[in-house]
Amino acid sequence: MDRVPRSRCRKRLSRRQLLTTAGAGVAGAALSRLAPWETGVAPAQIKGTTLRILTWSHFVPAYDTAFDKFVAEWGQANGVNARVDHIPIDQLPTRIASELSAGAGHDIFQMNGQIQTTLYYKNMVDVSDICEKLGKQYGGWIPMAKNVAVVDGGWHGLPEFYIAQPLLWRTDLFGEYGLKAPSTWEDLRQAAKIGKAKGHACGMAVSHCNDSNHNWRAVFYAFGVKETDPSGKEPTWDSKELREAMRFSKALYEEGMTSEVLSWDNVSDNRYLASGVAVWIHDAISAIRSIQDSNPKLYASVNIGCDGLEPRGAAGRAAVVDPTILAIWKFSKNQETAKAFLEHYGNNVQFSLVESKGYNLPYLKGWYKKPMPGVGDDPKVAKMQDWDKVAYVFGSPGPATAPAAEVLSTFVVPDMLTRYVRGEDLESAIKWGMDQIRNIYAKYK
């Protein structure tokens, strides 16, 4: 995976100074009752506490190193014993469920890709104070933020960042084949068909991994498929648009891919691009960051996205992303400490953008002023400064509800497509998928 240079964050919070005026005793007592986001600095009462944070193992490993240092420095500045634990992304949902069952574990935990706020929100601390303050300070939140963090009018998680999944295509091979820059999924299908015949197939996982979930949703949404009604309560997958998208997807698989994609994991497409074989893939920019130093010639030949950011299907453009949020367990004994850290981290979007080399894209609108830190000064990823205009999350056009999250986490969509590409009749494959989806939604009514 990626090994990119990092610059360490030097910013440290000042320790809270004791009041020395005549009214210090009364004022200090009153101030100590204020929450961290009301005082503007970490409150004195967090000194001597601990903070345990659970996150994924970032696909830009240098970011984990920088984040761990960021957390440690904040802890040292505020007298907090702070530590981060990283686990593989696929293990996060199980770990979250086990911590809730045990009523013990980390203070702050991350949801990544599989967002289950609507399932767990009653066990998550309301952080509306922090989110509303950050929104006012940085120009508001893009709509996706509320989709993944707000339930019943309250913010139950801090929108951390989202992961764009752009088209990554070989300009040299497109030129060799006499092809124009891709603008539609049909353009990509034709490029993959020609490329496969010349030993350069394309690749998108059709398997149980996050890549498969978001990539095929990008195709389906572009063809006009809607998962639910706007309320998120009623599934609306079963449509002529779904059938059109399924037929296209099977043709793309048969003409432009190999059967290897049926067993790919979340890093297989990265390896495929790095091998020099792929004519294109659809994945996060970690796929090119991993070759930036090791294979600069290949890196130079890979373009990110297209003029409209994402390919157009029969209906329009759609970039389905992986959202992440940070939440605090109600069973945490260090809630004030956790809130103080979340506000500090939420105010440091520049750190996140720069240290991740543009991988971590923000939810706060104010950070989309060009040039964006870590993005706008790099021509390779400059298009991503407009990604907020096309970004979707699962469950669209409804919010990321508990049933939508279960449809995602049980890989119904890639399984439905797998049945079809392996020879099952279209209507039979769709019926199987719709039965799974309807049964899931019925459980939550």
Protein backbone atom coordinates (compact mmCIF):
# COMPACT_ATOMS: atom_id res chain seq x y z
CA MET A 1 0.00 0.00 0.00
CA ASP A 2 0.92 3.65 0.00
CA ARG A 3 4.12 4.94 1.50
CA VAL A 4 3.94 8.68 1.15
CA PRO A 5 6.00 11.33 2.95
CA ARG A 6 4.45 12.95 5.94
CA SER A 7 4.89 16.27 7.67
CA ARG A 8 4.22 16.22 11.34
CA CYS A 9 1.62 18.40 12.93
CA ARG A 10 3.28 20.79 15.36
CA LYS A 11 0.22 22.57 16.65
CA ARG A 12 -0.43 22.04 20.34
CA LEU A 13 -3.31 23.23 22.46
CA SER A 14 -2.36 25.59 25.27
CA ARG A 15 -3.06 24.30 28.71
CA ARG A 16 -5.88 26.03 30.44
CA GLN A 17 -4.59 28.79 32.70
CA LEU A 18 -5.94 29.13 36.23
CA LEU A 19 -7.85 32.31 36.93
CA THR A 20 -5.99 34.65 39.24
CA THR A 21 -8.53 37.41 39.76
CA ALA A 22 -10.32 37.97 43.04
CA GLY A 23 -13.30 36.09 41.70
CA ALA A 24 -11.24 33.18 40.52
CA GLY A 25 -12.86 30.66 42.83
CA VAL A 26 -16.42 31.43 41.72
CA ALA A 27 -15.51 32.00 38.08
CA GLY A 28 -13.40 28.86 37.96
CA ALA A 29 -16.21 26.75 39.42
CA ALA A 30 -18.67 28.14 36.89
CA LEU A 31 -16.24 27.65 34.03
CA SER A 32 -15.53 24.07 34.99
CA ARG A 33 -19.18 23.26 34.40
CA LEU A 34 -18.98 24.47 30.81
CA ALA A 35 -18.53 21.87 28.08
CA PRO A 36 -15.26 21.95 26.08
CA TRP A 37 -16.87 23.52 23.00
CA GLU A 38 -18.20 26.41 25.14
CA THR A 39 -14.87 27.30 26.72
CA GLY A 40 -12.85 27.19 23.51
CA VAL A 41 -10.02 25.18 25.13
CA ALA A 42 -9.88 21.80 26.80
CA PRO A 43 -11.37 22.14 30.31
CA ALA A 44 -9.21 21.62 33.36
CA GLN A 45 -11.29 18.71 34.62
CA ILE A 46 -10.05 16.43 31.82
CA LYS A 47 -6.50 16.53 33.20
CA GLY A 48 -5.52 13.07 34.46
CA THR A 49 -8.15 11.25 32.40
CA THR A 50 -7.62 8.70 29.64
CA LEU A 51 -8.84 8.57 26.06
CA ARG A 52 -8.98 5.47 23.87
CA ILE A 53 -9.77 5.85 20.18
CA LEU A 54 -10.63 3.03 17.75
CA THR A 55 -10.11 3.60 14.01
CA TRP A 56 -9.29 1.63 10.89
CA SER A 57 -5.81 1.00 9.55
CA HIS A 58 -5.70 3.84 7.01
CA PHE A 59 -5.01 2.97 3.38
CA VAL A 60 -2.43 5.78 3.42
CA PRO A 61 -0.28 4.33 6.23
CA ALA A 62 1.62 7.57 6.77
CA TYR A 63 -1.65 9.12 7.92
CA ASP A 64 -1.91 6.67 10.81
CA THR A 65 1.57 7.69 11.92
CA ALA A 66 0.68 11.37 11.73
CA PHE A 67 -2.71 10.89 13.44
CA ASP A 68 -1.18 8.90 16.30
CA LYS A 69 1.30 11.72 16.87
CA PHE A 70 -1.49 14.31 16.63
CA VAL A 71 -3.46 12.46 19.34
CA ALA A 72 -0.42 11.94 21.55
CA GLU A 73 0.57 15.61 21.37
CA TRP A 74 -2.97 16.72 22.23
CA GLY A 75 -2.94 14.31 25.16
CA GLN A 76 0.40 15.58 26.42
CA ALA A 77 -0.73 19.21 26.13
CA ASN A 78 -3.87 18.52 28.15
CA GLY A 79 -2.67 15.99 30.69
CA VAL A 80 -4.61 13.16 29.06
CA ASN A 81 -3.32 9.63 28.52
CA ALA A 82 -4.46 9.29 24.90
CA ARG A 83 -4.00 6.29 22.63
CA VAL A 84 -5.21 5.14 19.20
CA ASP A 85 -5.87 1.52 18.23
CA HIS A 86 -6.03 0.68 14.51
CA ILE A 87 -7.72 -2.41 13.09
CA PRO A 88 -8.49 -3.53 9.50
CA ILE A 89 -11.55 -1.81 8.07
CA ASP A 90 -13.46 -5.07 7.65
CA GLN A 91 -13.20 -5.74 11.40
CA LEU A 92 -14.72 -2.42 12.51
CA PRO A 93 -18.43 -3.40 12.40
CA THR A 94 -17.85 -6.54 14.47
CA ARG A 95 -15.67 -4.73 17.01
CA ILE A 96 -18.26 -1.96 17.39
CA ALA A 97 -21.02 -4.49 18.00
CA SER A 98 -18.93 -6.41 20.54
CA GLU A 99 -18.04 -3.25 22.49
CA LEU A 100 -21.69 -2.26 22.69
CA SER A 101 -22.63 -5.75 23.86
CA ALA A 102 -19.95 -5.66 26.55
CA GLY A 103 -20.67 -2.07 27.54
CA ALA A 104 -16.94 -1.46 27.56
CA GLY A 105 -14.13 -0.65 25.19
CA HIS A 106 -12.98 2.57 23.54
CA ASP A 107 -14.27 6.06 24.29
CA ILE A 108 -14.29 7.20 20.65
CA PHE A 109 -14.90 4.80 17.78
CA GLN A 110 -14.96 5.20 14.03
CA MET A 111 -17.58 4.01 11.56
CA ASN A 112 -16.04 3.72 8.12
CA GLY A 113 -17.98 2.84 4.98
CA GLN A 114 -20.61 0.90 6.88
CA ILE A 115 -22.34 3.70 8.78
CA GLN A 116 -24.82 2.47 11.40
CA THR A 117 -25.73 5.67 13.20
CA THR A 118 -29.46 4.97 12.94
CA LEU A 119 -28.91 1.56 14.52
CA TYR A 120 -26.68 2.63 17.42
CA TYR A 121 -27.53 6.29 18.02
CA LYS A 122 -29.29 5.67 21.34
CA ASN A 123 -25.96 4.37 22.64
CA MET A 124 -23.95 7.28 21.21
CA VAL A 125 -23.39 10.64 22.90
CA ASP A 126 -25.19 13.60 21.31
CA VAL A 127 -22.48 15.91 19.95
CA SER A 128 -24.78 18.50 18.38
CA ASP A 129 -23.00 21.27 20.29
CA ILE A 130 -19.71 20.49 18.59
CA CYS A 131 -21.13 19.91 15.12
CA GLU A 132 -23.29 23.02 15.12
CA LYS A 133 -20.37 25.15 16.25
CA LEU A 134 -18.08 23.72 13.58
CA GLY A 135 -20.78 24.19 10.95
CA LYS A 136 -21.17 27.87 11.82
CA GLN A 137 -17.43 28.40 11.85
CA TYR A 138 -16.70 26.71 8.51
CA GLY A 139 -19.63 27.61 6.27
CA GLY A 140 -21.95 24.71 7.05
CA TRP A 141 -21.94 21.01 6.28
CA ILE A 142 -22.43 19.38 2.88
CA PRO A 143 -25.74 17.41 2.82
CA MET A 144 -24.04 14.05 3.15
CA ALA A 145 -22.89 14.94 6.68
CA LYS A 146 -26.42 14.96 8.06
CA ASN A 147 -27.24 11.77 6.18
CA VAL A 148 -24.61 9.85 8.13
CA ALA A 149 -24.55 11.61 11.51
CA VAL A 150 -27.99 13.04 12.33
CA VAL A 151 -30.87 11.01 13.77
CA ASP A 152 -34.08 12.53 15.16
CA GLY A 153 -32.63 16.01 14.78
CA GLY A 154 -29.48 15.35 16.82
CA TRP A 155 -25.87 14.88 15.75
CA HIS A 156 -24.71 11.55 17.17
CA GLY A 157 -21.32 11.51 15.50
CA LEU A 158 -18.73 13.93 14.16
CA PRO A 159 -18.47 13.66 10.35
CA GLU A 160 -14.74 12.99 10.02
CA PHE A 161 -14.03 12.68 6.30
CA TYR A 162 -15.24 10.80 3.23
CA ILE A 163 -13.26 8.77 0.75
CA ALA A 164 -13.79 9.55 -2.92
CA GLN A 165 -13.71 6.65 -5.37
CA PRO A 166 -12.82 8.20 -8.71
CA LEU A 167 -12.12 6.68 -12.08
CA LEU A 168 -8.38 6.01 -12.46
CA TRP A 169 -7.54 5.53 -16.14
CA ARG A 170 -4.42 5.07 -18.25
CA THR A 171 -3.96 8.02 -20.58
CA ASP A 172 -1.18 6.20 -22.44
CA LEU A 173 -3.35 3.17 -23.23
CA PHE A 174 -6.35 5.29 -24.23
CA GLY A 175 -4.04 7.15 -26.60
CA GLU A 176 -2.64 3.90 -27.96
CA TYR A 177 -6.17 2.64 -28.66
CA GLY A 178 -7.19 5.92 -30.32
CA LEU A 179 -9.82 6.60 -27.66
CA LYS A 180 -10.97 9.99 -26.38
CA ALA A 181 -10.99 10.80 -22.68
CA PRO A 182 -13.89 8.85 -21.11
CA SER A 183 -17.10 10.68 -20.30
CA THR A 184 -19.66 7.87 -20.01
CA TRP A 185 -19.75 4.34 -18.65
CA GLU A 186 -20.20 3.22 -22.26
CA ASP A 187 -16.86 4.87 -23.07
CA LEU A 188 -15.30 2.83 -20.28
CA ARG A 189 -16.95 -0.36 -21.49
CA GLN A 190 -15.50 0.09 -24.97
CA ALA A 191 -12.05 0.88 -23.57
CA ALA A 192 -12.17 -2.23 -21.40
CA LYS A 193 -13.30 -4.38 -24.34
CA ILE A 194 -10.40 -3.19 -26.50
CA GLY A 195 -7.98 -3.33 -23.60
CA LYS A 196 -8.87 -6.88 -22.61
CA ALA A 197 -8.18 -8.07 -26.13
CA LYS A 198 -4.72 -6.50 -25.87
CA GLY A 199 -3.97 -7.80 -22.39
CA HIS A 200 -5.18 -4.71 -20.48
CA ALA A 201 -8.58 -5.47 -18.99
CA CYS A 202 -10.31 -3.17 -16.49
CA GLY A 203 -11.22 -4.21 -12.96
CA MET A 204 -13.95 -3.64 -10.37
CA ALA A 205 -14.49 -6.13 -7.55
CA VAL A 206 -17.67 -8.24 -7.68
CA SER A 207 -17.24 -9.67 -4.21
CA HIS A 208 -17.65 -9.10 -0.47
CA CYS A 209 -15.65 -5.91 0.01
CA ASN A 210 -16.37 -2.20 0.38
CA ASP A 211 -15.01 -1.51 -3.09
CA SER A 212 -17.65 -3.74 -4.63
CA ASN A 213 -20.43 -2.01 -2.70
CA HIS A 214 -19.57 1.54 -3.69
CA ASN A 215 -18.31 0.88 -7.23
CA TRP A 216 -21.42 -0.86 -8.45
CA ARG A 217 -23.65 1.65 -6.72
CA ALA A 218 -21.80 4.33 -8.72
CA VAL A 219 -22.79 2.49 -11.91
CA PHE A 220 -26.36 1.85 -10.79
CA TYR A 221 -26.95 5.41 -9.56
CA ALA A 222 -25.58 6.79 -12.83
CA PHE A 223 -28.23 4.74 -14.63
CA GLY A 224 -30.92 6.25 -12.42
CA VAL A 225 -31.37 3.54 -9.77
CA LYS A 226 -32.73 4.82 -6.45
CA GLU A 227 -32.36 2.69 -3.32
CA THR A 228 -35.23 4.22 -1.39
CA ASP A 229 -37.83 6.95 -1.35
CA PRO A 230 -36.55 10.28 0.08
CA SER A 231 -37.63 9.27 3.59
CA GLY A 232 -35.43 6.19 3.45
CA LYS A 233 -38.28 3.99 4.67
CA GLU A 234 -39.34 2.28 1.45
CA PRO A 235 -36.88 0.44 -0.86
CA THR A 236 -37.27 1.36 -4.54
CA TRP A 237 -34.54 -0.76 -6.14
CA ASP A 238 -36.93 -2.81 -8.29
CA SER A 239 -37.14 -0.75 -11.48
CA LYS A 240 -36.43 -0.63 -15.20
CA GLU A 241 -33.34 1.43 -14.36
CA LEU A 242 -32.00 -1.46 -12.26
CA ARG A 243 -32.49 -3.86 -15.16
CA GLU A 244 -30.74 -1.52 -17.56
CA ALA A 245 -27.83 -1.12 -15.13
CA MET A 246 -27.59 -4.88 -14.53
CA ARG A 247 -27.45 -5.61 -18.27
CA PHE A 248 -24.74 -3.00 -18.73
CA SER A 249 -22.76 -4.35 -15.77
CA LYS A 250 -22.83 -7.90 -17.09
CA ALA A 251 -21.62 -6.72 -20.49
CA LEU A 252 -18.84 -4.72 -18.83
CA TYR A 253 -17.79 -7.80 -16.85
CA GLU A 254 -17.90 -10.22 -19.78
CA GLU A 255 -16.24 -7.93 -22.33
CA GLY A 256 -13.74 -6.08 -20.18
CA MET A 257 -12.80 -8.03 -17.03
CA THR A 258 -11.43 -11.38 -15.94
CA SER A 259 -13.02 -13.74 -13.44
CA GLU A 260 -10.42 -12.69 -10.85
CA VAL A 261 -12.69 -9.81 -9.82
CA LEU A 262 -15.11 -12.33 -8.30
CA SER A 263 -12.66 -12.93 -5.46
CA TRP A 264 -11.03 -9.51 -5.08
CA ASP A 265 -10.62 -7.77 -1.72
CA ASN A 266 -10.28 -4.04 -1.01
CA VAL A 267 -6.66 -3.82 -2.18
CA SER A 268 -6.82 -6.09 -5.22
CA ASP A 269 -7.61 -3.25 -7.61
CA ASN A 270 -4.69 -1.27 -6.17
CA ARG A 271 -2.39 -4.17 -6.98
CA TYR A 272 -3.96 -4.53 -10.41
CA LEU A 273 -3.24 -0.91 -11.28
CA ALA A 274 0.28 -1.18 -9.86
CA SER A 275 0.94 -4.25 -12.03
CA GLY A 276 0.61 -2.09 -15.15
CA VAL A 277 -2.12 -4.34 -16.56
CA ALA A 278 -5.32 -2.37 -15.85
CA VAL A 279 -6.60 0.00 -18.51
CA TRP A 280 -8.72 1.53 -15.73
CA ILE A 281 -10.04 0.90 -12.24
CA HIS A 282 -12.54 2.74 -10.03
CA ASP A 283 -11.01 3.28 -6.60
CA ALA A 284 -9.66 5.69 -3.99
CA ILE A 285 -6.51 7.65 -4.74
CA SER A 286 -4.51 5.37 -2.46
CA ALA A 287 -4.21 3.24 -5.60
CA ILE A 288 -2.02 5.86 -7.28
CA ARG A 289 -0.32 7.14 -4.13
CA SER A 290 1.08 3.63 -3.72
CA ILE A 291 2.93 3.90 -7.06
CA GLN A 292 3.87 7.58 -6.85
CA ASP A 293 7.41 6.87 -5.67
CA SER A 294 7.89 3.24 -6.70
CA ASN A 295 6.78 3.64 -10.33
CA PRO A 296 6.74 7.33 -11.32
CA LYS A 297 6.35 6.53 -15.03
CA LEU A 298 3.14 4.58 -14.41
CA TYR A 299 1.97 7.23 -11.93
CA ALA A 300 2.37 9.92 -14.59
CA SER A 301 0.19 7.95 -17.04
CA VAL A 302 -2.80 7.60 -14.69
CA ASN A 303 -5.46 10.30 -14.79
CA ILE A 304 -8.04 10.82 -12.04
CA GLY A 305 -11.69 11.23 -12.94
CA CYS A 306 -13.06 12.77 -16.11
CA ASP A 307 -14.27 16.22 -17.08
CA GLY A 308 -17.58 15.70 -15.31
CA LEU A 309 -15.80 14.07 -12.36
CA GLU A 310 -17.70 10.81 -12.76
CA PRO A 311 -18.94 8.93 -15.85
CA ARG A 312 -22.49 9.50 -17.00
CA GLY A 313 -24.96 6.66 -17.35
CA ALA A 314 -28.40 6.87 -18.89
CA ALA A 315 -29.50 9.25 -16.13
CA GLY A 316 -26.53 11.22 -14.86
CA ARG A 317 -23.33 11.30 -12.87
CA ALA A 318 -22.84 9.75 -9.46
CA ALA A 319 -19.79 9.32 -7.26
CA VAL A 320 -20.55 6.96 -4.41
CA VAL A 321 -18.12 7.51 -1.55
CA ASP A 322 -17.17 5.84 1.71
CA PRO A 323 -18.13 8.11 4.61
CA THR A 324 -16.48 8.03 8.03
CA ILE A 325 -17.69 9.41 11.34
CA LEU A 326 -16.34 9.45 14.88
CA ALA A 327 -18.69 8.78 17.79
CA ILE A 328 -18.54 8.54 21.58
CA TRP A 329 -20.06 5.65 23.50
CA LYS A 330 -22.50 6.56 26.25
CA PHE A 331 -20.80 3.98 28.46
CA SER A 332 -17.53 5.95 28.20
CA LYS A 333 -16.34 7.33 31.54
CA ASN A 334 -14.39 10.02 29.69
CA GLN A 335 -17.09 11.74 27.67
CA GLU A 336 -15.90 15.30 28.34
CA THR A 337 -12.37 14.33 27.33
CA ALA A 338 -13.68 12.69 24.16
CA LYS A 339 -15.74 15.77 23.29
CA ALA A 340 -12.75 18.05 23.84
CA PHE A 341 -10.68 15.95 21.45
CA LEU A 342 -13.41 15.81 18.80
CA GLU A 343 -13.67 19.58 18.75
CA HIS A 344 -9.91 19.94 18.48
CA TYR A 345 -9.74 17.40 15.63
CA GLY A 346 -12.77 18.90 13.89
CA ASN A 347 -10.98 22.25 13.78
CA ASN A 348 -7.94 20.69 12.10
CA VAL A 349 -9.25 19.71 8.67
CA GLN A 350 -6.08 21.07 7.08
CA PHE A 351 -4.07 18.51 9.03
CA SER A 352 -6.33 15.73 7.74
CA LEU A 353 -6.19 16.90 4.11
CA VAL A 354 -2.43 17.44 3.99
CA GLU A 355 -1.32 14.35 5.91
CA SER A 356 -3.59 12.07 3.86
CA LYS A 357 -2.38 13.61 0.57
CA GLY A 358 -5.96 14.53 -0.35
CA TYR A 359 -7.41 11.12 0.53
CA ASN A 360 -9.51 12.46 3.45
CA LEU A 361 -12.07 14.83 1.92
CA PRO A 362 -13.98 17.17 4.25
CA TYR A 363 -17.68 17.52 5.01
CA LEU A 364 -17.39 21.21 5.91
CA LYS A 365 -18.19 23.54 3.02
CA GLY A 366 -15.63 26.15 3.97
CA TRP A 367 -12.78 23.82 3.07
CA TYR A 368 -13.85 23.68 -0.58
CA LYS A 369 -12.43 27.12 -1.32
CA LYS A 370 -9.78 26.66 -3.98
CA PRO A 371 -6.98 25.82 -3.71
CA MET A 372 -7.78 23.20 -1.05
CA PRO A 373 -4.86 22.23 1.21
CA GLY A 374 -3.24 18.99 0.09
CA VAL A 375 -5.41 18.87 -3.05
CA GLY A 376 -5.41 22.13 -4.97
CA ASP A 377 -1.65 22.33 -5.33
CA ASP A 378 -1.42 18.88 -6.94
CA PRO A 379 -2.63 18.77 -10.58
CA LYS A 380 -3.11 15.01 -10.32
CA VAL A 381 -5.90 15.34 -7.73
CA ALA A 382 -7.08 18.92 -8.34
CA LYS A 383 -10.42 17.71 -9.78
CA MET A 384 -11.30 16.40 -6.35
CA GLN A 385 -11.83 19.95 -5.15
CA ASP A 386 -15.28 19.65 -6.73
CA TRP A 387 -16.10 16.17 -5.42
CA ASP A 388 -18.65 17.52 -2.94
CA LYS A 389 -20.90 18.35 -5.91
CA VAL A 390 -21.26 14.72 -7.02
CA ALA A 391 -20.80 12.71 -3.82
CA TYR A 392 -23.46 10.21 -2.76
CA VAL A 393 -23.62 7.71 0.08
CA PHE A 394 -25.44 4.37 0.19
CA GLY A 395 -29.21 4.53 0.66
CA SER A 396 -29.60 7.45 -1.75
CA PRO A 397 -31.76 9.45 -2.12
CA GLY A 398 -32.74 8.67 1.47
CA PRO A 399 -30.46 8.91 4.50
CA ALA A 400 -28.05 6.16 5.57
CA THR A 401 -30.65 4.27 7.59
CA ALA A 402 -30.19 1.07 9.58
CA PRO A 403 -31.82 -1.14 6.89
CA ALA A 404 -29.80 0.55 4.14
CA ALA A 405 -26.66 -0.11 6.19
CA GLU A 406 -27.63 -3.78 6.56
CA VAL A 407 -28.19 -4.10 2.81
CA LEU A 408 -24.69 -2.68 2.42
CA SER A 409 -23.01 -4.79 5.13
CA THR A 410 -24.56 -8.05 3.86
CA PHE A 411 -23.36 -7.34 0.28
CA VAL A 412 -26.74 -7.89 -1.32
CA VAL A 413 -25.91 -5.77 -4.38
CA PRO A 414 -22.62 -7.47 -5.36
CA ASP A 415 -24.20 -10.87 -4.62
CA MET A 416 -27.15 -10.08 -6.89
CA LEU A 417 -24.75 -9.03 -9.65
CA THR A 418 -22.56 -12.11 -9.06
CA ARG A 419 -25.54 -14.37 -9.64
CA TYR A 420 -26.27 -12.63 -12.92
CA VAL A 421 -22.73 -12.55 -14.32
CA ARG A 422 -22.31 -16.23 -13.44
CA GLY A 423 -25.23 -17.19 -15.63
CA GLU A 424 -28.39 -16.85 -13.58
CA ASP A 425 -31.37 -15.33 -15.39
CA LEU A 426 -31.71 -11.54 -14.95
CA GLU A 427 -35.17 -11.66 -13.41
CA SER A 428 -34.22 -14.52 -11.12
CA ALA A 429 -31.13 -12.66 -9.87
CA ILE A 430 -33.14 -9.48 -9.31
CA LYS A 431 -35.92 -11.38 -7.52
CA TRP A 432 -33.36 -12.89 -5.15
CA GLY A 433 -31.90 -9.46 -4.46
CA MET A 434 -35.27 -7.78 -3.96
CA ASP A 435 -36.37 -10.53 -1.56
CA GLN A 436 -33.24 -9.94 0.53
CA ILE A 437 -33.74 -6.18 0.54
CA ARG A 438 -37.46 -6.27 1.35
CA ASN A 439 -36.90 -8.73 4.20
CA ILE A 440 -34.23 -6.47 5.68
CA TYR A 441 -36.45 -3.38 5.52
CA ALA A 442 -39.38 -5.30 6.99
CA LYS A 443 -37.35 -6.04 10.12
CA TYR A 444 -37.10 -2.34 10.94
CA LYS A 445 -40.79 -1.47 10.61
